[in-house]
Full PDB file with SEQRES, HELIX, SHEET, SSBOND, CRYST1, ORIGX, SCALE, CONECT and MASTER records, all heavy atoms in Angstrom:
SEQRES   1 A   37  ARG ARG GLU MET LEU LYS PHE GLY ALA ALA THR MET ALA          
SEQRES   2 A   37  VAL THR LEU GLN PRO ALA ALA PHE ALA LYS SER ALA GLU          
SEQRES   3 A   37  LYS THR ARG SER THR ALA SER PRO SER PRO ASP                  
HELIX    1 AA1 PRO A   18  LYS A   27  5                                  10    
CRYST1    1.000    1.000    1.000  90.00  90.00  90.00 P 1           1          
ORIGX1      1.000000  0.000000  0.000000        0.00000                         
ORIGX2      0.000000  1.000000  0.000000        0.00000                         
ORIGX3      0.000000  0.000000  1.000000        0.00000                         
SCALE1      1.000000  0.000000  0.000000        0.00000                         
SCALE2      0.000000  1.000000  0.000000        0.00000                         
SCALE3      0.000000  0.000000  1.000000        0.00000                         
ATOM      1  N   ARG A   1      -4.623   7.814   3.236  1.00  0.00           N  
ATOM      2  CA  ARG A   1      -3.915   7.413   1.990  1.00  0.00           C  
ATOM      3  C   ARG A   1      -2.967   8.497   1.543  1.00  0.00           C  
ATOM      4  O   ARG A   1      -1.873   8.163   1.043  1.00  0.00           O  
ATOM      5  CB  ARG A   1      -5.027   7.206   0.913  1.00  0.00           C  
ATOM      6  CG  ARG A   1      -4.466   6.672  -0.374  1.00  0.00           C  
ATOM      7  CD  ARG A   1      -5.580   6.151  -1.270  1.00  0.00           C  
ATOM      8  NE  ARG A   1      -5.078   5.615  -2.467  1.00  0.00           N  
ATOM      9  CZ  ARG A   1      -5.548   4.551  -3.041  1.00  0.00           C  
ATOM     10  NH1 ARG A   1      -6.548   3.944  -2.525  1.00  0.00           N  
ATOM     11  NH2 ARG A   1      -5.080   4.031  -4.152  1.00  0.00           N  
ATOM     12  N   ARG A   2      -3.342   9.761   1.703  1.00  0.00           N  
ATOM     13  CA  ARG A   2      -2.460  10.832   1.235  1.00  0.00           C  
ATOM     14  C   ARG A   2      -1.081  10.793   1.990  1.00  0.00           C  
ATOM     15  O   ARG A   2      -0.022  10.950   1.393  1.00  0.00           O  
ATOM     16  CB  ARG A   2      -3.078  12.153   1.466  1.00  0.00           C  
ATOM     17  CG  ARG A   2      -4.198  12.475   0.547  1.00  0.00           C  
ATOM     18  CD  ARG A   2      -3.793  12.656  -0.894  1.00  0.00           C  
ATOM     19  NE  ARG A   2      -4.874  12.919  -1.784  1.00  0.00           N  
ATOM     20  CZ  ARG A   2      -4.880  12.829  -3.028  1.00  0.00           C  
ATOM     21  NH1 ARG A   2      -3.766  12.469  -3.700  1.00  0.00           N  
ATOM     22  NH2 ARG A   2      -5.885  13.175  -3.741  1.00  0.00           N  
ATOM     23  N   GLU A   3      -1.109  10.514   3.295  1.00  0.00           N  
ATOM     24  CA  GLU A   3       0.087  10.457   4.044  1.00  0.00           C  
ATOM     25  C   GLU A   3       0.964   9.319   3.573  1.00  0.00           C  
ATOM     26  O   GLU A   3       2.182   9.418   3.523  1.00  0.00           O  
ATOM     27  CB  GLU A   3      -0.227  10.307   5.512  1.00  0.00           C  
ATOM     28  CG  GLU A   3      -0.817  11.610   6.120  1.00  0.00           C  
ATOM     29  CD  GLU A   3       0.201  12.788   6.039  1.00  0.00           C  
ATOM     30  OE1 GLU A   3       1.402  12.565   6.359  1.00  0.00           O  
ATOM     31  OE2 GLU A   3      -0.280  13.820   5.642  1.00  0.00           O  
ATOM     32  N   MET A   4       0.333   8.209   3.268  1.00  0.00           N  
ATOM     33  CA  MET A   4       1.093   7.027   2.846  1.00  0.00           C  
ATOM     34  C   MET A   4       1.754   7.183   1.509  1.00  0.00           C  
ATOM     35  O   MET A   4       2.715   6.482   1.228  1.00  0.00           O  
ATOM     36  CB  MET A   4       0.153   5.792   2.869  1.00  0.00           C  
ATOM     37  CG  MET A   4      -0.326   5.420   4.252  1.00  0.00           C  
ATOM     38  SD  MET A   4      -1.104   3.802   4.300  1.00  0.00           S  
ATOM     39  CE  MET A   4       0.431   2.815   4.222  1.00  0.00           C  
ATOM     40  N   LEU A   5       1.261   8.121   0.751  1.00  0.00           N  
ATOM     41  CA  LEU A   5       1.850   8.311  -0.560  1.00  0.00           C  
ATOM     42  C   LEU A   5       3.108   9.285  -0.516  1.00  0.00           C  
ATOM     43  O   LEU A   5       3.783   9.460  -1.452  1.00  0.00           O  
ATOM     44  CB  LEU A   5       0.840   8.985  -1.555  1.00  0.00           C  
ATOM     45  CG  LEU A   5      -0.299   7.927  -1.904  1.00  0.00           C  
ATOM     46  CD1 LEU A   5      -1.309   8.689  -2.748  1.00  0.00           C  
ATOM     47  CD2 LEU A   5       0.311   6.834  -2.755  1.00  0.00           C  
ATOM     48  N   LYS A   6       3.343   9.863   0.623  1.00  0.00           N  
ATOM     49  CA  LYS A   6       4.432  10.816   0.824  1.00  0.00           C  
ATOM     50  C   LYS A   6       5.675  10.048   1.189  1.00  0.00           C  
ATOM     51  O   LYS A   6       6.210  10.244   2.273  1.00  0.00           O  
ATOM     52  CB  LYS A   6       4.089  11.880   1.831  1.00  0.00           C  
ATOM     53  CG  LYS A   6       2.874  12.795   1.362  1.00  0.00           C  
ATOM     54  CD  LYS A   6       2.558  13.796   2.440  1.00  0.00           C  
ATOM     55  CE  LYS A   6       1.305  14.653   1.998  1.00  0.00           C  
ATOM     56  NZ  LYS A   6       0.920  15.602   3.052  1.00  0.00           N  
ATOM     57  N   PHE A   7       6.175   9.212   0.296  1.00  0.00           N  
ATOM     58  CA  PHE A   7       7.415   8.498   0.623  1.00  0.00           C  
ATOM     59  C   PHE A   7       8.450   8.676  -0.416  1.00  0.00           C  
ATOM     60  O   PHE A   7       9.297   7.753  -0.620  1.00  0.00           O  
ATOM     61  CB  PHE A   7       7.052   7.018   0.841  1.00  0.00           C  
ATOM     62  CG  PHE A   7       6.415   6.409  -0.381  1.00  0.00           C  
ATOM     63  CD1 PHE A   7       7.182   5.937  -1.406  1.00  0.00           C  
ATOM     64  CD2 PHE A   7       5.060   6.433  -0.515  1.00  0.00           C  
ATOM     65  CE1 PHE A   7       6.536   5.373  -2.559  1.00  0.00           C  
ATOM     66  CE2 PHE A   7       4.412   5.827  -1.640  1.00  0.00           C  
ATOM     67  CZ  PHE A   7       5.204   5.328  -2.645  1.00  0.00           C  
ATOM     68  N   GLY A   8       8.391   9.924  -1.051  1.00  0.00           N  
ATOM     69  CA  GLY A   8       9.433  10.118  -2.064  1.00  0.00           C  
ATOM     70  C   GLY A   8       9.336   9.139  -3.218  1.00  0.00           C  
ATOM     71  O   GLY A   8       8.351   8.904  -3.742  1.00  0.00           O  
ATOM     72  N   ALA A   9      10.509   8.489  -3.485  1.00  0.00           N  
ATOM     73  CA  ALA A   9      10.529   7.537  -4.624  1.00  0.00           C  
ATOM     74  C   ALA A   9      10.421   6.137  -4.200  1.00  0.00           C  
ATOM     75  O   ALA A   9      10.686   5.215  -4.984  1.00  0.00           O  
ATOM     76  CB  ALA A   9      11.828   7.769  -5.430  1.00  0.00           C  
ATOM     77  N   ALA A  10      10.019   5.922  -2.915  1.00  0.00           N  
ATOM     78  CA  ALA A  10       9.926   4.553  -2.482  1.00  0.00           C  
ATOM     79  C   ALA A  10       8.731   3.832  -3.122  1.00  0.00           C  
ATOM     80  O   ALA A  10       7.848   4.520  -3.687  1.00  0.00           O  
ATOM     81  CB  ALA A  10       9.704   4.479  -0.965  1.00  0.00           C  
ATOM     82  N   THR A  11       8.706   2.525  -3.102  1.00  0.00           N  
ATOM     83  CA  THR A  11       7.644   1.755  -3.752  1.00  0.00           C  
ATOM     84  C   THR A  11       6.564   1.386  -2.850  1.00  0.00           C  
ATOM     85  O   THR A  11       6.807   1.110  -1.657  1.00  0.00           O  
ATOM     86  CB  THR A  11       8.273   0.516  -4.398  1.00  0.00           C  
ATOM     87  OG1 THR A  11       9.342   0.947  -5.256  1.00  0.00           O  
ATOM     88  CG2 THR A  11       7.244  -0.256  -5.198  1.00  0.00           C  
ATOM     89  N   MET A  12       5.245   1.423  -3.337  1.00  0.00           N  
ATOM     90  CA  MET A  12       4.137   0.970  -2.554  1.00  0.00           C  
ATOM     91  C   MET A  12       3.293   0.041  -3.407  1.00  0.00           C  
ATOM     92  O   MET A  12       3.032   0.301  -4.515  1.00  0.00           O  
ATOM     93  CB  MET A  12       3.287   2.196  -2.173  1.00  0.00           C  
ATOM     94  CG  MET A  12       2.094   1.781  -1.250  1.00  0.00           C  
ATOM     95  SD  MET A  12       1.043   3.228  -0.958  1.00  0.00           S  
ATOM     96  CE  MET A  12       2.133   4.088   0.093  1.00  0.00           C  
ATOM     97  N   ALA A  13       2.966  -1.118  -2.805  1.00  0.00           N  
ATOM     98  CA  ALA A  13       2.111  -2.047  -3.516  1.00  0.00           C  
ATOM     99  C   ALA A  13       0.701  -2.042  -2.820  1.00  0.00           C  
ATOM    100  O   ALA A  13       0.730  -2.133  -1.592  1.00  0.00           O  
ATOM    101  CB  ALA A  13       2.667  -3.490  -3.475  1.00  0.00           C  
ATOM    102  N   VAL A  14      -0.315  -1.946  -3.569  1.00  0.00           N  
ATOM    103  CA  VAL A  14      -1.639  -1.858  -2.896  1.00  0.00           C  
ATOM    104  C   VAL A  14      -2.568  -2.924  -3.497  1.00  0.00           C  
ATOM    105  O   VAL A  14      -2.643  -3.063  -4.694  1.00  0.00           O  
ATOM    106  CB  VAL A  14      -2.339  -0.485  -3.263  1.00  0.00           C  
ATOM    107  CG1 VAL A  14      -3.661  -0.300  -2.626  1.00  0.00           C  
ATOM    108  CG2 VAL A  14      -1.344   0.625  -2.828  1.00  0.00           C  
ATOM    109  N   THR A  15      -3.222  -3.624  -2.677  1.00  0.00           N  
ATOM    110  CA  THR A  15      -4.237  -4.598  -3.101  1.00  0.00           C  
ATOM    111  C   THR A  15      -5.576  -4.006  -2.837  1.00  0.00           C  
ATOM    112  O   THR A  15      -5.969  -3.749  -1.736  1.00  0.00           O  
ATOM    113  CB  THR A  15      -4.072  -5.897  -2.348  1.00  0.00           C  
ATOM    114  OG1 THR A  15      -2.734  -6.413  -2.544  1.00  0.00           O  
ATOM    115  CG2 THR A  15      -5.136  -6.960  -2.862  1.00  0.00           C  
ATOM    116  N   LEU A  16      -6.366  -3.726  -3.839  1.00  0.00           N  
ATOM    117  CA  LEU A  16      -7.758  -3.230  -3.686  1.00  0.00           C  
ATOM    118  C   LEU A  16      -8.745  -4.349  -3.768  1.00  0.00           C  
ATOM    119  O   LEU A  16      -8.953  -4.922  -4.760  1.00  0.00           O  
ATOM    120  CB  LEU A  16      -8.046  -2.194  -4.818  1.00  0.00           C  
ATOM    121  CG  LEU A  16      -7.215  -0.864  -4.766  1.00  0.00           C  
ATOM    122  CD1 LEU A  16      -7.629  -0.025  -5.941  1.00  0.00           C  
ATOM    123  CD2 LEU A  16      -7.312  -0.180  -3.516  1.00  0.00           C  
ATOM    124  N   GLN A  17      -9.239  -4.678  -2.652  1.00  0.00           N  
ATOM    125  CA  GLN A  17     -10.227  -5.757  -2.593  1.00  0.00           C  
ATOM    126  C   GLN A  17     -11.605  -5.204  -3.048  1.00  0.00           C  
ATOM    127  O   GLN A  17     -11.996  -4.189  -2.507  1.00  0.00           O  
ATOM    128  CB  GLN A  17     -10.341  -6.317  -1.174  1.00  0.00           C  
ATOM    129  CG  GLN A  17      -9.019  -6.958  -0.660  1.00  0.00           C  
ATOM    130  CD  GLN A  17      -8.666  -8.175  -1.524  1.00  0.00           C  
ATOM    131  OE1 GLN A  17      -9.537  -8.768  -2.154  1.00  0.00           O  
ATOM    132  NE2 GLN A  17      -7.422  -8.499  -1.552  1.00  0.00           N  
ATOM    133  N   PRO A  18     -12.302  -5.823  -3.938  1.00  0.00           N  
ATOM    134  CA  PRO A  18     -13.610  -5.351  -4.467  1.00  0.00           C  
ATOM    135  C   PRO A  18     -14.609  -4.940  -3.393  1.00  0.00           C  
ATOM    136  O   PRO A  18     -15.269  -4.015  -3.527  1.00  0.00           O  
ATOM    137  CB  PRO A  18     -14.079  -6.477  -5.345  1.00  0.00           C  
ATOM    138  CG  PRO A  18     -12.847  -7.234  -5.728  1.00  0.00           C  
ATOM    139  CD  PRO A  18     -12.011  -7.143  -4.533  1.00  0.00           C  
ATOM    140  N   ALA A  19     -14.681  -5.725  -2.313  1.00  0.00           N  
ATOM    141  CA  ALA A  19     -15.702  -5.425  -1.368  1.00  0.00           C  
ATOM    142  C   ALA A  19     -15.250  -4.398  -0.354  1.00  0.00           C  
ATOM    143  O   ALA A  19     -16.063  -4.055   0.572  1.00  0.00           O  
ATOM    144  CB  ALA A  19     -15.986  -6.761  -0.611  1.00  0.00           C  
ATOM    145  N   ALA A  20     -14.075  -3.878  -0.503  1.00  0.00           N  
ATOM    146  CA  ALA A  20     -13.633  -2.876   0.423  1.00  0.00           C  
ATOM    147  C   ALA A  20     -12.853  -1.796  -0.158  1.00  0.00           C  
ATOM    148  O   ALA A  20     -11.753  -1.485   0.259  1.00  0.00           O  
ATOM    149  CB  ALA A  20     -12.775  -3.654   1.584  1.00  0.00           C  
ATOM    150  N   PHE A  21     -13.400  -1.125  -1.144  1.00  0.00           N  
ATOM    151  CA  PHE A  21     -12.697  -0.060  -1.846  1.00  0.00           C  
ATOM    152  C   PHE A  21     -12.363   1.069  -0.823  1.00  0.00           C  
ATOM    153  O   PHE A  21     -11.236   1.601  -0.902  1.00  0.00           O  
ATOM    154  CB  PHE A  21     -13.629   0.486  -2.917  1.00  0.00           C  
ATOM    155  CG  PHE A  21     -12.993   1.575  -3.701  1.00  0.00           C  
ATOM    156  CD1 PHE A  21     -12.173   1.333  -4.828  1.00  0.00           C  
ATOM    157  CD2 PHE A  21     -13.173   2.948  -3.354  1.00  0.00           C  
ATOM    158  CE1 PHE A  21     -11.617   2.328  -5.545  1.00  0.00           C  
ATOM    159  CE2 PHE A  21     -12.602   3.961  -4.091  1.00  0.00           C  
ATOM    160  CZ  PHE A  21     -11.856   3.657  -5.151  1.00  0.00           C  
ATOM    161  N   ALA A  22     -13.298   1.386   0.023  1.00  0.00           N  
ATOM    162  CA  ALA A  22     -12.993   2.539   0.931  1.00  0.00           C  
ATOM    163  C   ALA A  22     -11.958   2.236   1.983  1.00  0.00           C  
ATOM    164  O   ALA A  22     -11.409   3.087   2.469  1.00  0.00           O  
ATOM    165  CB  ALA A  22     -14.327   2.846   1.701  1.00  0.00           C  
ATOM    166  N   LYS A  23     -11.658   0.882   2.180  1.00  0.00           N  
ATOM    167  CA  LYS A  23     -10.633   0.476   3.058  1.00  0.00           C  
ATOM    168  C   LYS A  23      -9.250   0.202   2.452  1.00  0.00           C  
ATOM    169  O   LYS A  23      -8.378  -0.350   3.073  1.00  0.00           O  
ATOM    170  CB  LYS A  23     -11.183  -0.637   3.901  1.00  0.00           C  
ATOM    171  CG  LYS A  23     -12.334  -0.413   4.750  1.00  0.00           C  
ATOM    172  CD  LYS A  23     -12.738  -1.574   5.567  1.00  0.00           C  
ATOM    173  CE  LYS A  23     -13.974  -1.343   6.455  1.00  0.00           C  
ATOM    174  NZ  LYS A  23     -14.307  -2.495   7.213  1.00  0.00           N  
ATOM    175  N   SER A  24      -9.185   0.514   1.142  1.00  0.00           N  
ATOM    176  CA  SER A  24      -7.969   0.103   0.394  1.00  0.00           C  
ATOM    177  C   SER A  24      -6.681   0.747   0.988  1.00  0.00           C  
ATOM    178  O   SER A  24      -5.618   0.133   0.991  1.00  0.00           O  
ATOM    179  CB  SER A  24      -8.085   0.560  -1.064  1.00  0.00           C  
ATOM    180  OG  SER A  24      -8.185   1.927  -1.217  1.00  0.00           O  
ATOM    181  N   ALA A  25      -6.802   1.940   1.594  1.00  0.00           N  
ATOM    182  CA  ALA A  25      -5.624   2.553   2.220  1.00  0.00           C  
ATOM    183  C   ALA A  25      -5.030   1.722   3.341  1.00  0.00           C  
ATOM    184  O   ALA A  25      -3.880   1.677   3.548  1.00  0.00           O  
ATOM    185  CB  ALA A  25      -5.983   3.945   2.659  1.00  0.00           C  
ATOM    186  N   GLU A  26      -5.932   1.016   4.062  1.00  0.00           N  
ATOM    187  CA  GLU A  26      -5.518   0.250   5.180  1.00  0.00           C  
ATOM    188  C   GLU A  26      -4.676  -0.937   4.701  1.00  0.00           C  
ATOM    189  O   GLU A  26      -3.963  -1.546   5.475  1.00  0.00           O  
ATOM    190  CB  GLU A  26      -6.769  -0.217   5.975  1.00  0.00           C  
ATOM    191  CG  GLU A  26      -7.525   0.891   6.479  1.00  0.00           C  
ATOM    192  CD  GLU A  26      -8.840   0.411   7.165  1.00  0.00           C  
ATOM    193  OE1 GLU A  26      -8.941  -0.818   7.369  1.00  0.00           O  
ATOM    194  OE2 GLU A  26      -9.699   1.200   7.472  1.00  0.00           O  
ATOM    195  N   LYS A  27      -4.834  -1.347   3.398  1.00  0.00           N  
ATOM    196  CA  LYS A  27      -4.142  -2.512   2.949  1.00  0.00           C  
ATOM    197  C   LYS A  27      -2.813  -2.207   2.368  1.00  0.00           C  
ATOM    198  O   LYS A  27      -2.167  -3.162   1.799  1.00  0.00           O  
ATOM    199  CB  LYS A  27      -5.014  -3.240   1.860  1.00  0.00           C  
ATOM    200  CG  LYS A  27      -6.371  -3.702   2.484  1.00  0.00           C  
ATOM    201  CD  LYS A  27      -7.241  -4.406   1.391  1.00  0.00           C  
ATOM    202  CE  LYS A  27      -8.534  -4.914   2.024  1.00  0.00           C  
ATOM    203  NZ  LYS A  27      -8.303  -6.013   2.952  1.00  0.00           N  
ATOM    204  N   THR A  28      -2.455  -0.945   2.271  1.00  0.00           N  
ATOM    205  CA  THR A  28      -1.158  -0.556   1.654  1.00  0.00           C  
ATOM    206  C   THR A  28      -0.027  -0.851   2.565  1.00  0.00           C  
ATOM    207  O   THR A  28      -0.084  -0.755   3.782  1.00  0.00           O  
ATOM    208  CB  THR A  28      -1.166   0.966   1.267  1.00  0.00           C  
ATOM    209  OG1 THR A  28      -1.254   1.669   2.468  1.00  0.00           O  
ATOM    210  CG2 THR A  28      -2.276   1.293   0.372  1.00  0.00           C  
ATOM    211  N   ARG A  29       1.131  -1.231   1.972  1.00  0.00           N  
ATOM    212  CA  ARG A  29       2.333  -1.374   2.789  1.00  0.00           C  
ATOM    213  C   ARG A  29       3.536  -1.296   1.805  1.00  0.00           C  
ATOM    214  O   ARG A  29       3.431  -1.562   0.605  1.00  0.00           O  
ATOM    215  CB  ARG A  29       2.351  -2.768   3.428  1.00  0.00           C  
ATOM    216  CG  ARG A  29       2.481  -3.945   2.450  1.00  0.00           C  
ATOM    217  CD  ARG A  29       2.566  -5.263   3.185  1.00  0.00           C  
ATOM    218  NE  ARG A  29       1.217  -5.641   3.631  1.00  0.00           N  
ATOM    219  CZ  ARG A  29       0.932  -6.871   4.233  1.00  0.00           C  
ATOM    220  NH1 ARG A  29       1.914  -7.662   4.433  1.00  0.00           N  
ATOM    221  NH2 ARG A  29      -0.308  -7.157   4.558  1.00  0.00           N  
ATOM    222  N   SER A  30       4.662  -0.877   2.330  1.00  0.00           N  
ATOM    223  CA  SER A  30       5.804  -0.801   1.511  1.00  0.00           C  
ATOM    224  C   SER A  30       6.394  -2.181   1.174  1.00  0.00           C  
ATOM    225  O   SER A  30       6.416  -3.047   2.006  1.00  0.00           O  
ATOM    226  CB  SER A  30       6.923  -0.049   2.306  1.00  0.00           C  
ATOM    227  OG  SER A  30       8.163  -0.023   1.550  1.00  0.00           O  
ATOM    228  N   THR A  31       6.722  -2.376  -0.126  1.00  0.00           N  
ATOM    229  CA  THR A  31       7.305  -3.665  -0.565  1.00  0.00           C  
ATOM    230  C   THR A  31       8.615  -3.416  -1.338  1.00  0.00           C  
ATOM    231  O   THR A  31       8.921  -4.099  -2.294  1.00  0.00           O  
ATOM    232  CB  THR A  31       6.336  -4.462  -1.470  1.00  0.00           C  
ATOM    233  OG1 THR A  31       5.974  -3.643  -2.531  1.00  0.00           O  
ATOM    234  CG2 THR A  31       5.045  -4.765  -0.679  1.00  0.00           C  
ATOM    235  N   ALA A  32       9.380  -2.444  -0.855  1.00  0.00           N  
ATOM    236  CA  ALA A  32      10.657  -2.156  -1.596  1.00  0.00           C  
ATOM    237  C   ALA A  32      11.619  -3.306  -1.475  1.00  0.00           C  
ATOM    238  O   ALA A  32      12.261  -3.608  -2.453  1.00  0.00           O  
ATOM    239  CB  ALA A  32      11.256  -0.845  -0.937  1.00  0.00           C  
ATOM    240  N   SER A  33      11.671  -3.925  -0.387  1.00  0.00           N  
ATOM    241  CA  SER A  33      12.554  -5.110  -0.183  1.00  0.00           C  
ATOM    242  C   SER A  33      11.824  -6.156   0.697  1.00  0.00           C  
ATOM    243  O   SER A  33      12.237  -6.429   1.845  1.00  0.00           O  
ATOM    244  CB  SER A  33      13.867  -4.715   0.517  1.00  0.00           C  
ATOM    245  OG  SER A  33      14.575  -3.724  -0.229  1.00  0.00           O  
ATOM    246  N   PRO A  34      10.743  -6.779   0.141  1.00  0.00           N  
ATOM    247  CA  PRO A  34       9.992  -7.679   0.899  1.00  0.00           C  
ATOM    248  C   PRO A  34      10.695  -9.033   1.117  1.00  0.00           C  
ATOM    249  O   PRO A  34      11.394  -9.473   0.313  1.00  0.00           O  
ATOM    250  CB  PRO A  34       8.745  -7.856   0.062  1.00  0.00           C  
ATOM    251  CG  PRO A  34       9.206  -7.679  -1.312  1.00  0.00           C  
ATOM    252  CD  PRO A  34      10.287  -6.655  -1.270  1.00  0.00           C  
ATOM    253  N   SER A  35      10.498  -9.611   2.311  1.00  0.00           N  
ATOM    254  CA  SER A  35      10.840 -10.971   2.495  1.00  0.00           C  
ATOM    255  C   SER A  35       9.736 -11.921   2.114  1.00  0.00           C  
ATOM    256  O   SER A  35       8.595 -11.467   1.976  1.00  0.00           O  
ATOM    257  CB  SER A  35      11.190 -11.185   4.034  1.00  0.00           C  
ATOM    258  OG  SER A  35       9.986 -10.921   4.790  1.00  0.00           O  
ATOM    259  N   PRO A  36      10.048 -13.146   1.853  1.00  0.00           N  
ATOM    260  CA  PRO A  36       9.058 -14.081   1.400  1.00  0.00           C  
ATOM    261  C   PRO A  36       7.719 -14.111   2.162  1.00  0.00           C  
ATOM    262  O   PRO A  36       6.656 -14.356   1.727  1.00  0.00           O  
ATOM    263  CB  PRO A  36       9.696 -15.448   1.319  1.00  0.00           C  
ATOM    264  CG  PRO A  36      11.159 -15.091   1.169  1.00  0.00           C  
ATOM    265  CD  PRO A  36      11.339 -13.816   1.968  1.00  0.00           C  
ATOM    266  N   ASP A  37       7.870 -14.008   3.556  1.00  0.00           N  
ATOM    267  CA  ASP A  37       6.716 -14.102   4.389  1.00  0.00           C  
ATOM    268  C   ASP A  37       5.930 -12.822   4.543  1.00  0.00           C  
ATOM    269  O   ASP A  37       4.964 -12.771   5.225  1.00  0.00           O  
ATOM    270  CB  ASP A  37       7.136 -14.647   5.779  1.00  0.00           C  
ATOM    271  CG  ASP A  37       8.122 -13.720   6.469  1.00  0.00           C  
ATOM    272  OD1 ASP A  37       8.752 -12.878   5.743  1.00  0.00           O  
ATOM    273  OD2 ASP A  37       8.279 -13.794   7.693  1.00  0.00           O  
TER     274      ASP A  37                                                      
MASTER        0    0    0    1    0    0    0    6  273    1    0    3          
END                                                                             
């Protein structure tokens, strides 16, 4: 998770699923310019 936060001023959207708090870092992805899909 620490490494994924080192992106300067880029944007990150994170979905924390209740049953998988410890795995929340795996669900992160950049959404600065997302396509609909």
